[in-house]
Every structure is written in C-alpha cells, then in structure tokens.
Amino acid sequence: MKKTEIIREIPLASAENGVITVATVKEPYGEDSAPVVSVGIWLNKENEEPDWKVHIPVENLDEVIAALQEAKRTL
C-alpha cells in the first residue's frame, strides 16, 4: 500500500507560484518495495502533478546529500 508523507514544501526561487516538495513514500512500487524519498518540482503548485520528480532509494540518501552539499560548495 503506497503511503506518501510530505516532509516539507519549499518555495521555488525561480517561479512565483512554484514549490519543491520533499516526501517519503512507503512501498512506492507495490507491496514490499523499498521506501524512497520523493523530490518534486512544481512550477505552479496548483497543478495536480509535479513538472519533475525523482525517487531516491533510502540506501542512497547519505551519498546524494553529500553530493548536493559538494555541488553547493562549488557554486
């Protein structure tokens, strides 16, 4: 049973009515599938679906967070 919980909604800097959502999804691909963190980009938060979405397996979160921090330092 797919269960999504929104962790945070962040205003999108490049769009007046856009947001970034961070959510956890349990069993995203069916019964017994591993949980993921879902990051959605909404250019307009009134839309039903995000314009972009990525699912990150929990096992990869630490490495992805480290890579994002490294990317931030290089900008």
Protein backbone atom coordinates (compact mmCIF):
# COMPACT_ATOMS: atom_id res chain seq x y z
CA MET A 1 0.00 0.00 0.00
CA LYS A 2 1.64 3.23 -1.20
CA LYS A 3 1.77 5.85 1.56
CA THR A 4 3.17 9.32 0.91
CA GLU A 5 4.01 11.80 3.65
CA ILE A 6 5.03 15.36 2.77
CA ILE A 7 8.04 16.36 4.88
CA ARG A 8 8.49 19.90 3.60
CA GLU A 9 7.24 22.29 0.93
CA ILE A 10 9.83 24.87 -0.08
CA PRO A 11 9.11 27.94 -2.25
CA LEU A 12 10.82 27.56 -5.65
CA ALA A 13 13.16 30.53 -6.13
CA SER A 14 12.77 30.62 -9.92
CA ALA A 15 8.95 30.52 -10.13
CA GLU A 16 6.47 32.85 -8.46
CA ASN A 17 3.97 30.10 -7.62
CA GLY A 18 6.36 27.14 -7.67
CA VAL A 19 7.44 24.81 -4.89
CA ILE A 20 9.82 21.98 -4.17
CA THR A 21 8.29 19.14 -2.19
CA VAL A 22 10.20 16.55 -0.21
CA ALA A 23 8.22 13.47 0.79
CA THR A 24 8.70 9.92 1.95
CA VAL A 25 6.94 7.15 0.05
CA LYS A 26 6.47 3.70 1.56
CA GLU A 27 6.04 0.81 -0.88
CA PRO A 28 6.19 3.14 -3.94
CA TYR A 29 6.29 0.31 -6.46
CA GLY A 30 3.93 -2.15 -4.80
CA GLU A 31 3.86 -4.42 -1.79
CA ASP A 32 7.23 -4.95 -0.10
CA SER A 33 9.07 -2.46 -2.34
CA ALA A 34 11.73 -0.39 -0.56
CA PRO A 35 10.85 3.14 0.61
CA VAL A 36 12.09 6.22 -1.24
CA VAL A 37 12.37 9.93 -0.74
CA SER A 38 10.49 11.76 -3.46
CA VAL A 39 11.58 15.25 -4.54
CA GLY A 40 9.08 17.08 -6.72
CA ILE A 41 9.47 20.38 -8.56
CA TRP A 42 6.25 22.26 -9.25
CA LEU A 43 6.44 25.34 -11.46
CA ASN A 44 2.88 26.05 -10.35
CA LYS A 45 1.76 24.46 -7.08
CA GLU A 46 -1.85 24.50 -8.30
CA ASN A 47 -1.01 21.76 -10.85
CA GLU A 48 -2.09 18.24 -9.99
CA GLU A 49 1.30 16.65 -10.77
CA PRO A 50 4.87 17.98 -10.46
CA ASP A 51 6.80 19.08 -13.54
CA TRP A 52 9.77 16.96 -12.42
CA LYS A 53 10.08 14.22 -9.85
CA VAL A 54 12.86 11.96 -8.63
CA HIS A 55 12.70 8.99 -6.28
CA ILE A 56 15.83 8.39 -4.22
CA PRO A 57 16.17 4.99 -2.52
CA VAL A 58 16.75 5.35 1.22
CA GLU A 59 20.02 3.43 0.86
CA ASN A 60 21.38 6.22 -1.39
CA LEU A 61 20.30 9.22 0.68
CA ASP A 62 23.59 9.86 2.51
CA GLU A 63 25.58 9.87 -0.73
CA VAL A 64 23.05 12.09 -2.51
CA ILE A 65 23.03 14.55 0.40
CA ALA A 66 26.84 14.66 0.38
CA ALA A 67 26.88 15.23 -3.40
CA LEU A 68 24.34 18.07 -3.08
CA GLN A 69 26.44 19.71 -0.35
CA GLU A 70 29.53 19.39 -2.55
CA ALA A 71 27.66 20.89 -5.50
CA LYS A 72 26.59 23.83 -3.35
CA ARG A 73 30.20 24.49 -2.29
CA THR A 74 31.32 24.62 -5.93
CA LEU A 75 28.80 27.30 -6.95
